[in-house]
Structure formats: C-alpha cells, structure tokens
Amino acid sequence: MSISIYYTARRPQPITKEEAALCRQIADRYDAQYPYGELYEGFCIYDLEKDRDEWEQDVIFSGATKLPLEAPPFLFQIANWQLNCLEEISNILPGAQWHVHLDDLDLEWTEEERFRFPE
C-alpha cells in the first residue's frame, strides 16, 4: 500500500518550451539533492504530449510522486520536500490554477499560501 501526491496545473496559455525545461531542471535538482537516502521516488512529471486527453487541453503540468509508507518518521519531511519542489515549479508557471491532492484528500494550494505538513 502507498500514498501519492498528485498535482495538476491548468491555464489557458500552453506551457512554453522554456517553462517546461525549467520545471524539469527544478525536479532534477531536487532529485539529485534528496536527503532521505533510499526512501525515495523521484519527482514525477507526466509527458502531457503523449498522455493528454481531449478534455485536458488546458492542463499544462501534471504528475504524481509516491511517498514511502515504510518510513513513518520521515513521511512528513519527505512530503514537504516534494511540496517544496512543487512550489518552485509553481513559481515559474504564472496564472496557473493548481489542484494538489494526497490520494483522496485535497490539499488547499493557493498562490499566496502553499501547503505544508506539520513536522
């Protein structure tokens, strides 16, 4: 059994190649600097060019990252690490409306106040 953080950003203007490259660079940097050893799944960004449905034309960014349930003491720290990565990514996608959830639990994510778990 596992839980995952899911994230989707929508806006009328498509993501630019520069924005997409910056998103990938941020995710790669977080993956390379991950401080929790083996308890890890990389920050996943879906390939929307391959996987976009007709009704999802305004989705510019989407992905999911599995959290390791075998390490309860680090669960919130790992979740916050991934949410920090997502925050940096959200900063380079202006005007996007975000939906972030932990399996069936919606996380309140606003441009002014990002979401964090208590540590």
C-alpha atoms as a PDB file:
ATOM      1  CA  MET A   1       0.000   0.000   0.000  1.00  0.00           C
ATOM      2  CA  SER A   2       1.216   3.510  -0.741  1.00  0.00           C
ATOM      3  CA  ILE A   3       0.031   7.065  -0.968  1.00  0.00           C
ATOM      4  CA  SER A   4       0.982   9.652  -3.544  1.00  0.00           C
ATOM      5  CA  ILE A   5       0.935  13.386  -4.020  1.00  0.00           C
ATOM      6  CA  TYR A   6      -0.830  14.286  -7.274  1.00  0.00           C
ATOM      7  CA  TYR A   7      -0.516  17.708  -8.901  1.00  0.00           C
ATOM      8  CA  THR A   8      -2.103  19.362 -11.903  1.00  0.00           C
ATOM      9  CA  ALA A   9      -1.830  22.921 -13.221  1.00  0.00           C
ATOM     10  CA  ARG A  10      -4.276  24.439 -15.692  1.00  0.00           C
ATOM     11  CA  ARG A  11      -4.228  27.702 -17.600  1.00  0.00           C
ATOM     12  CA  PRO A  12      -5.476  28.931 -20.976  1.00  0.00           C
ATOM     13  CA  GLN A  13      -1.952  29.570 -22.346  1.00  0.00           C
ATOM     14  CA  PRO A  14       0.077  26.431 -23.114  1.00  0.00           C
ATOM     15  CA  ILE A  15       3.317  25.791 -21.299  1.00  0.00           C
ATOM     16  CA  THR A  16       6.302  27.137 -23.193  1.00  0.00           C
ATOM     17  CA  LYS A  17       9.381  25.063 -24.015  1.00  0.00           C
ATOM     18  CA  GLU A  18      11.385  27.299 -21.683  1.00  0.00           C
ATOM     19  CA  GLU A  19       8.926  26.788 -18.809  1.00  0.00           C
ATOM     20  CA  ALA A  20       8.884  23.024 -19.369  1.00  0.00           C
ATOM     21  CA  ALA A  21      12.699  22.918 -19.357  1.00  0.00           C
ATOM     22  CA  LEU A  22      12.832  24.936 -16.120  1.00  0.00           C
ATOM     23  CA  CYS A  23      10.302  22.584 -14.499  1.00  0.00           C
ATOM     24  CA  ARG A  24      12.451  19.579 -15.442  1.00  0.00           C
ATOM     25  CA  GLN A  25      15.621  21.322 -14.153  1.00  0.00           C
ATOM     26  CA  ILE A  26      13.989  22.037 -10.792  1.00  0.00           C
ATOM     27  CA  ALA A  27      12.746  18.448 -10.449  1.00  0.00           C
ATOM     28  CA  ASP A  28      16.174  17.073 -11.426  1.00  0.00           C
ATOM     29  CA  ARG A  29      17.892  19.329  -8.868  1.00  0.00           C
ATOM     30  CA  TYR A  30      15.558  18.157  -6.090  1.00  0.00           C
ATOM     31  CA  ASP A  31      16.086  14.537  -7.118  1.00  0.00           C
ATOM     32  CA  ALA A  32      19.890  14.971  -7.051  1.00  0.00           C
ATOM     33  CA  GLN A  33      19.840  16.668  -3.620  1.00  0.00           C
ATOM     34  CA  TYR A  34      17.319  14.310  -1.984  1.00  0.00           C
ATOM     35  CA  PRO A  35      18.375  13.988   1.697  1.00  0.00           C
ATOM     36  CA  TYR A  36      16.449  10.865   2.793  1.00  0.00           C
ATOM     37  CA  GLY A  37      18.548   8.091   1.252  1.00  0.00           C
ATOM     38  CA  GLU A  38      16.791   5.031  -0.117  1.00  0.00           C
ATOM     39  CA  LEU A  39      13.315   6.207   0.917  1.00  0.00           C
ATOM     40  CA  TYR A  40      12.653   7.730  -2.428  1.00  0.00           C
ATOM     41  CA  GLU A  41      10.714   8.006  -5.598  1.00  0.00           C
ATOM     42  CA  GLY A  42      11.736  10.822  -7.931  1.00  0.00           C
ATOM     43  CA  PHE A  43       9.566  13.849  -8.593  1.00  0.00           C
ATOM     44  CA  CYS A  44       7.420  12.646 -11.493  1.00  0.00           C
ATOM     45  CA  ILE A  45       6.279  14.938 -14.299  1.00  0.00           C
ATOM     46  CA  TYR A  46       3.862  13.369 -16.789  1.00  0.00           C
ATOM     47  CA  ASP A  47       4.535  13.658 -20.508  1.00  0.00           C
ATOM     48  CA  LEU A  48       1.413  15.569 -21.476  1.00  0.00           C
ATOM     49  CA  GLU A  49       2.190  15.499 -25.185  1.00  0.00           C
ATOM     50  CA  LYS A  50       1.724  11.713 -25.141  1.00  0.00           C
ATOM     51  CA  ASP A  51      -0.924  11.365 -22.446  1.00  0.00           C
ATOM     52  CA  ARG A  52      -3.235  14.386 -22.795  1.00  0.00           C
ATOM     53  CA  ASP A  53      -6.933  13.678 -23.292  1.00  0.00           C
ATOM     54  CA  GLU A  54      -9.127  15.908 -25.434  1.00  0.00           C
ATOM     55  CA  TRP A  55     -10.839  17.381 -22.327  1.00  0.00           C
ATOM     56  CA  GLU A  56      -7.499  18.232 -20.719  1.00  0.00           C
ATOM     57  CA  GLN A  57      -6.301  20.787 -23.279  1.00  0.00           C
ATOM     58  CA  ASP A  58      -5.795  23.443 -20.591  1.00  0.00           C
ATOM     59  CA  VAL A  59      -3.584  21.168 -18.426  1.00  0.00           C
ATOM     60  CA  ILE A  60      -0.032  22.498 -18.701  1.00  0.00           C
ATOM     61  CA  PHE A  61       1.679  20.481 -15.940  1.00  0.00           C
ATOM     62  CA  SER A  62       0.807  17.240 -14.179  1.00  0.00           C
ATOM     63  CA  GLY A  63       2.416  14.435 -12.232  1.00  0.00           C
ATOM     64  CA  ALA A  64       2.443  12.259  -9.114  1.00  0.00           C
ATOM     65  CA  THR A  65       5.048  11.226  -6.577  1.00  0.00           C
ATOM     66  CA  LYS A  66       4.717   8.169  -4.345  1.00  0.00           C
ATOM     67  CA  LEU A  67       5.555   8.636  -0.658  1.00  0.00           C
ATOM     68  CA  PRO A  68       7.323   5.840   1.265  1.00  0.00           C
ATOM     69  CA  LEU A  69       4.990   4.446   3.926  1.00  0.00           C
ATOM     70  CA  GLU A  70       7.776   2.204   5.257  1.00  0.00           C
ATOM     71  CA  ALA A  71       9.389   5.245   6.904  1.00  0.00           C
ATOM     72  CA  PRO A  72       6.715   6.869   9.100  1.00  0.00           C
ATOM     73  CA  PRO A  73       9.157   9.131  10.991  1.00  0.00           C
ATOM     74  CA  PHE A  74      10.189  10.752   7.703  1.00  0.00           C
ATOM     75  CA  LEU A  75       6.845  10.760   5.897  1.00  0.00           C
ATOM     76  CA  PHE A  76       6.007  14.425   6.534  1.00  0.00           C
ATOM     77  CA  GLN A  77       9.570  15.584   5.830  1.00  0.00           C
ATOM     78  CA  ILE A  78       9.589  13.700   2.524  1.00  0.00           C
ATOM     79  CA  ALA A  79       6.140  15.048   1.622  1.00  0.00           C
ATOM     80  CA  ASN A  80       7.319  18.581   2.398  1.00  0.00           C
ATOM     81  CA  TRP A  81      10.475  18.042   0.313  1.00  0.00           C
ATOM     82  CA  GLN A  82       8.325  17.146  -2.688  1.00  0.00           C
ATOM     83  CA  LEU A  83       5.933  20.041  -1.986  1.00  0.00           C
ATOM     84  CA  ASN A  84       8.905  22.449  -1.848  1.00  0.00           C
ATOM     85  CA  CYS A  85       9.882  21.226  -5.308  1.00  0.00           C
ATOM     86  CA  LEU A  86       6.317  21.757  -6.486  1.00  0.00           C
ATOM     87  CA  GLU A  87       6.318  25.262  -5.018  1.00  0.00           C
ATOM     88  CA  GLU A  88       9.413  26.212  -7.022  1.00  0.00           C
ATOM     89  CA  ILE A  89       7.799  24.815 -10.148  1.00  0.00           C
ATOM     90  CA  SER A  90       4.551  26.681  -9.487  1.00  0.00           C
ATOM     91  CA  ASN A  91       6.515  29.941  -9.252  1.00  0.00           C
ATOM     92  CA  ILE A  92       7.576  29.660 -12.903  1.00  0.00           C
ATOM     93  CA  LEU A  93       4.074  28.888 -14.215  1.00  0.00           C
ATOM     94  CA  PRO A  94       2.255  32.206 -13.722  1.00  0.00           C
ATOM     95  CA  GLY A  95      -1.502  32.292 -13.932  1.00  0.00           C
ATOM     96  CA  ALA A  96      -1.914  28.536 -13.447  1.00  0.00           C
ATOM     97  CA  GLN A  97      -4.679  27.112 -11.277  1.00  0.00           C
ATOM     98  CA  TRP A  98      -3.326  24.230  -9.215  1.00  0.00           C
ATOM     99  CA  HIS A  99      -5.029  21.111  -7.888  1.00  0.00           C
ATOM    100  CA  VAL A 100      -2.852  19.208  -5.410  1.00  0.00           C
ATOM    101  CA  HIS A 101      -4.069  16.173  -3.527  1.00  0.00           C
ATOM    102  CA  LEU A 102      -2.823  13.289  -1.438  1.00  0.00           C
ATOM    103  CA  ASP A 103      -4.726  10.316  -2.865  1.00  0.00           C
ATOM    104  CA  ASP A 104      -8.348  11.216  -1.994  1.00  0.00           C
ATOM    105  CA  LEU A 105      -7.512  14.168   0.272  1.00  0.00           C
ATOM    106  CA  ASP A 106      -7.435  17.569  -1.467  1.00  0.00           C
ATOM    107  CA  LEU A 107      -4.703  19.888  -0.228  1.00  0.00           C
ATOM    108  CA  GLU A 108      -5.525  23.582  -0.116  1.00  0.00           C
ATOM    109  CA  TRP A 109      -2.960  25.069  -2.535  1.00  0.00           C
ATOM    110  CA  THR A 110      -3.082  28.759  -3.281  1.00  0.00           C
ATOM    111  CA  GLU A 111      -0.596  31.079  -4.924  1.00  0.00           C
ATOM    112  CA  GLU A 112      -0.240  33.049  -1.681  1.00  0.00           C
ATOM    113  CA  GLU A 113      -0.137  30.156   0.786  1.00  0.00           C
ATOM    114  CA  ARG A 114       1.287  26.837  -0.349  1.00  0.00           C
ATOM    115  CA  PHE A 115       0.514  23.704   1.641  1.00  0.00           C
ATOM    116  CA  ARG A 116       2.887  22.145   4.186  1.00  0.00           C
ATOM    117  CA  PHE A 117       2.533  19.161   6.508  1.00  0.00           C
ATOM    118  CA  PRO A 118       3.457  19.585  10.189  1.00  0.00           C
ATOM    119  CA  GLU A 119       6.887  18.149  11.008  1.00  0.00           C
END
